[in-house]
Amino acid sequence: MASINYYYTKSVLETVSANPVQFKKELLKATRNLMPYEIEHLSKWLTTYTTHKPELKKFIDDVKECKVQII
C-alpha cells in the first residue's frame, strides 16, 4: 500500500511538470524519500503520465537507475 509520501510526490510532480528542470529535481528527491516498492509504482505511473509529455520521458530512466541502486 502506498504511503502519503507517495501521493504527495505524485501531486508535486504534476504541479511542476511544466518545468523539466524542477521536475527532475523533485523526482530525484522522491527517489530518496520513497520506499523501493513505491518507487516501482512511481515508475509505472511516470510511464503513463509522460505519454504526452516527451520532454519528461527522459527522466524515467533516472528513476529506474535509482531503483536498481536501492535494491
C-alpha atoms as a PDB file:
ATOM      1  CA  MET A   1       0.000   0.000   0.000  1.00  0.00           C
ATOM      2  CA  ALA A   2       1.340   3.398  -0.964  1.00  0.00           C
ATOM      3  CA  SER A   3       2.027   5.974   1.720  1.00  0.00           C
ATOM      4  CA  ILE A   4       1.017   9.593   1.993  1.00  0.00           C
ATOM      5  CA  ASN A   5       4.504  10.495   0.751  1.00  0.00           C
ATOM      6  CA  TYR A   6       3.849   8.635  -2.498  1.00  0.00           C
ATOM      7  CA  TYR A   7       0.621  10.542  -3.188  1.00  0.00           C
ATOM      8  CA  TYR A   8       2.250  13.817  -2.151  1.00  0.00           C
ATOM      9  CA  THR A   9       5.131  13.109  -4.552  1.00  0.00           C
ATOM     10  CA  LYS A  10       2.731  12.484  -7.434  1.00  0.00           C
ATOM     11  CA  SER A  11       0.943  15.741  -6.651  1.00  0.00           C
ATOM     12  CA  VAL A  12       4.207  17.702  -6.589  1.00  0.00           C
ATOM     13  CA  LEU A  13       5.378  16.129  -9.846  1.00  0.00           C
ATOM     14  CA  GLU A  14       2.105  17.001 -11.560  1.00  0.00           C
ATOM     15  CA  THR A  15       2.418  20.571 -10.290  1.00  0.00           C
ATOM     16  CA  VAL A  16       5.989  21.107 -11.521  1.00  0.00           C
ATOM     17  CA  SER A  17       5.648  19.152 -14.776  1.00  0.00           C
ATOM     18  CA  ALA A  18       5.682  22.378 -16.810  1.00  0.00           C
ATOM     19  CA  ASN A  19       9.319  22.889 -15.796  1.00  0.00           C
ATOM     20  CA  PRO A  20      11.520  19.896 -16.715  1.00  0.00           C
ATOM     21  CA  VAL A  21      14.421  21.051 -14.512  1.00  0.00           C
ATOM     22  CA  GLN A  22      12.187  21.321 -11.449  1.00  0.00           C
ATOM     23  CA  PHE A  23      10.507  18.029 -12.376  1.00  0.00           C
ATOM     24  CA  LYS A  24      13.856  16.217 -12.380  1.00  0.00           C
ATOM     25  CA  LYS A  25      14.840  17.810  -9.071  1.00  0.00           C
ATOM     26  CA  GLU A  26      11.596  16.691  -7.418  1.00  0.00           C
ATOM     27  CA  LEU A  27      11.851  13.255  -8.984  1.00  0.00           C
ATOM     28  CA  LEU A  28      15.339  12.708  -7.588  1.00  0.00           C
ATOM     29  CA  LYS A  29      14.132  13.883  -4.187  1.00  0.00           C
ATOM     30  CA  ALA A  30      11.320  11.363  -4.392  1.00  0.00           C
ATOM     31  CA  THR A  31      13.734   8.501  -5.032  1.00  0.00           C
ATOM     32  CA  ARG A  32      15.468   9.330  -1.745  1.00  0.00           C
ATOM     33  CA  ASN A  33      12.238   9.588   0.253  1.00  0.00           C
ATOM     34  CA  LEU A  34      10.126   6.718  -1.047  1.00  0.00           C
ATOM     35  CA  MET A  35      10.300   3.030  -0.266  1.00  0.00           C
ATOM     36  CA  PRO A  36      11.535   0.705  -3.044  1.00  0.00           C
ATOM     37  CA  TYR A  37       8.035  -0.611  -3.806  1.00  0.00           C
ATOM     38  CA  GLU A  38       6.747   2.969  -4.016  1.00  0.00           C
ATOM     39  CA  ILE A  39       9.498   3.820  -6.480  1.00  0.00           C
ATOM     40  CA  GLU A  40       8.311   0.893  -8.583  1.00  0.00           C
ATOM     41  CA  HIS A  41       4.748   2.278  -8.512  1.00  0.00           C
ATOM     42  CA  LEU A  42       6.052   5.752  -9.302  1.00  0.00           C
ATOM     43  CA  SER A  43       7.969   4.412 -12.279  1.00  0.00           C
ATOM     44  CA  LYS A  44       4.801   2.817 -13.673  1.00  0.00           C
ATOM     45  CA  TRP A  45       2.829   5.998 -13.043  1.00  0.00           C
ATOM     46  CA  LEU A  46       5.512   8.064 -14.806  1.00  0.00           C
ATOM     47  CA  THR A  47       5.327   5.864 -17.874  1.00  0.00           C
ATOM     48  CA  THR A  48       1.628   6.628 -18.182  1.00  0.00           C
ATOM     49  CA  TYR A  49       1.859  10.272 -17.103  1.00  0.00           C
ATOM     50  CA  THR A  50       4.609  11.150 -19.578  1.00  0.00           C
ATOM     51  CA  THR A  51       2.918   9.573 -22.604  1.00  0.00           C
ATOM     52  CA  HIS A  52       2.092  13.011 -23.997  1.00  0.00           C
ATOM     53  CA  LYS A  53       4.990  14.841 -22.371  1.00  0.00           C
ATOM     54  CA  PRO A  54       8.118  13.815 -24.293  1.00  0.00           C
ATOM     55  CA  GLU A  55      10.242  16.409 -22.505  1.00  0.00           C
ATOM     56  CA  LEU A  56       9.717  14.458 -19.257  1.00  0.00           C
ATOM     57  CA  LYS A  57      10.067  10.910 -20.627  1.00  0.00           C
ATOM     58  CA  LYS A  58      13.850  11.036 -20.383  1.00  0.00           C
ATOM     59  CA  PHE A  59      13.636  11.173 -16.587  1.00  0.00           C
ATOM     60  CA  ILE A  60      12.003   7.748 -16.302  1.00  0.00           C
ATOM     61  CA  ASP A  61      15.447   6.161 -16.661  1.00  0.00           C
ATOM     62  CA  ASP A  62      16.669   8.208 -13.684  1.00  0.00           C
ATOM     63  CA  VAL A  63      14.025   6.570 -11.512  1.00  0.00           C
ATOM     64  CA  LYS A  64      14.892   3.122 -12.798  1.00  0.00           C
ATOM     65  CA  GLU A  65      18.599   3.702 -12.065  1.00  0.00           C
ATOM     66  CA  CYS A  66      17.823   4.787  -8.521  1.00  0.00           C
ATOM     67  CA  LYS A  67      15.612   1.750  -8.038  1.00  0.00           C
ATOM     68  CA  VAL A  68      18.486  -0.522  -9.071  1.00  0.00           C
ATOM     69  CA  GLN A  69      20.887   1.221  -6.676  1.00  0.00           C
ATOM     70  CA  ILE A  70      18.460   0.816  -3.747  1.00  0.00           C
ATOM     71  CA  ILE A  71      17.930  -2.889  -4.323  1.00  0.00           C
END
